[in-house]
């Protein structure tokens, strides 16, 4: 696991997912997690593995640095 501001990361995941009109269920399936796990990521209540982070960045057409709040 990696340390990051989970709330900020969650908000960015949710914002990008909604802007692309992708449901939580659909995105969760694409990145290989359960829908309730993705919901926890978006709420900032659960950490994710690096693999999931990379998959989310790919599916959301962004970078892992952006999702982690390391760049704007």
Protein backbone atom coordinates (compact mmCIF):
# COMPACT_ATOMS: atom_id res chain seq x y z
CA UNK A 1 0.00 0.00 0.00
CA UNK A 2 1.03 3.58 -0.54
CA UNK A 3 0.32 6.65 1.60
CA UNK A 4 -1.70 9.48 0.10
CA UNK A 5 -4.58 11.84 0.93
CA UNK A 6 -7.37 9.30 0.51
CA UNK A 7 -10.17 11.89 0.55
CA UNK A 8 -8.57 13.96 -2.22
CA UNK A 9 -7.82 10.86 -4.28
CA UNK A 10 -11.37 9.60 -3.80
CA UNK A 11 -12.85 12.91 -4.87
CA UNK A 12 -10.71 12.92 -8.01
CA UNK A 13 -11.71 9.37 -8.90
CA UNK A 14 -15.39 10.18 -8.46
CA UNK A 15 -15.14 13.46 -10.39
CA UNK A 16 -13.41 11.83 -13.36
CA UNK A 17 -15.70 8.80 -13.33
CA UNK A 18 -18.78 11.02 -13.40
CA UNK A 19 -17.37 13.30 -16.10
CA UNK A 20 -16.88 10.21 -18.28
CA UNK A 21 -20.42 8.99 -17.43
CA UNK A 22 -19.14 5.66 -16.11
CA UNK A 23 -21.04 3.89 -13.34
CA UNK A 24 -19.27 2.69 -10.22
CA UNK A 25 -20.14 -0.88 -11.17
CA UNK A 26 -18.71 -0.53 -14.67
CA UNK A 27 -15.47 1.08 -13.49
CA UNK A 28 -15.08 -1.44 -10.68
CA UNK A 29 -15.36 -4.31 -13.15
CA UNK A 30 -12.79 -2.71 -15.46
CA UNK A 31 -10.22 -2.30 -12.68
CA UNK A 32 -10.91 -5.65 -11.03
CA UNK A 33 -12.51 -4.67 -7.73
CA UNK A 34 -15.98 -4.95 -6.25
CA UNK A 35 -18.37 -2.00 -6.61
CA UNK A 36 -18.47 -1.47 -2.84
CA UNK A 37 -14.66 -1.35 -2.79
CA UNK A 38 -14.67 1.38 -5.44
CA UNK A 39 -17.28 3.25 -3.39
CA UNK A 40 -14.91 3.09 -0.40
CA UNK A 41 -12.08 4.47 -2.53
CA UNK A 42 -14.31 7.36 -3.64
CA UNK A 43 -15.28 8.11 -0.04
CA UNK A 44 -11.63 8.04 0.99
CA UNK A 45 -12.19 5.28 3.54
CA UNK A 46 -10.01 2.57 1.98
CA UNK A 47 -6.50 2.44 0.56
CA UNK A 48 -5.81 0.80 -2.78
CA UNK A 49 -2.92 -1.20 -4.18
CA UNK A 50 -0.58 0.28 -6.75
CA UNK A 51 -2.04 -2.08 -9.35
CA UNK A 52 -5.55 -0.72 -8.76
CA UNK A 53 -4.25 2.85 -8.84
CA UNK A 54 -2.59 2.26 -12.21
CA UNK A 55 -5.72 0.57 -13.57
CA UNK A 56 -7.91 3.47 -12.38
CA UNK A 57 -5.60 6.02 -13.98
CA UNK A 58 -5.71 4.10 -17.25
CA UNK A 59 -9.50 3.72 -17.27
CA UNK A 60 -10.03 7.37 -16.27
CA UNK A 61 -7.51 8.59 -18.88
CA UNK A 62 -5.30 10.37 -16.36
CA UNK A 63 -2.12 9.78 -14.40
CA UNK A 64 -1.60 8.16 -11.04
CA UNK A 65 0.14 11.36 -9.92
CA UNK A 66 -3.05 13.32 -10.64
CA UNK A 67 -5.19 10.83 -8.73
CA UNK A 68 -2.79 10.97 -5.78
CA UNK A 69 -2.88 14.77 -5.74
CA UNK A 70 0.78 15.10 -6.67
CA UNK A 71 -0.08 17.20 -9.73
CA UNK A 72 -3.03 19.28 -10.85
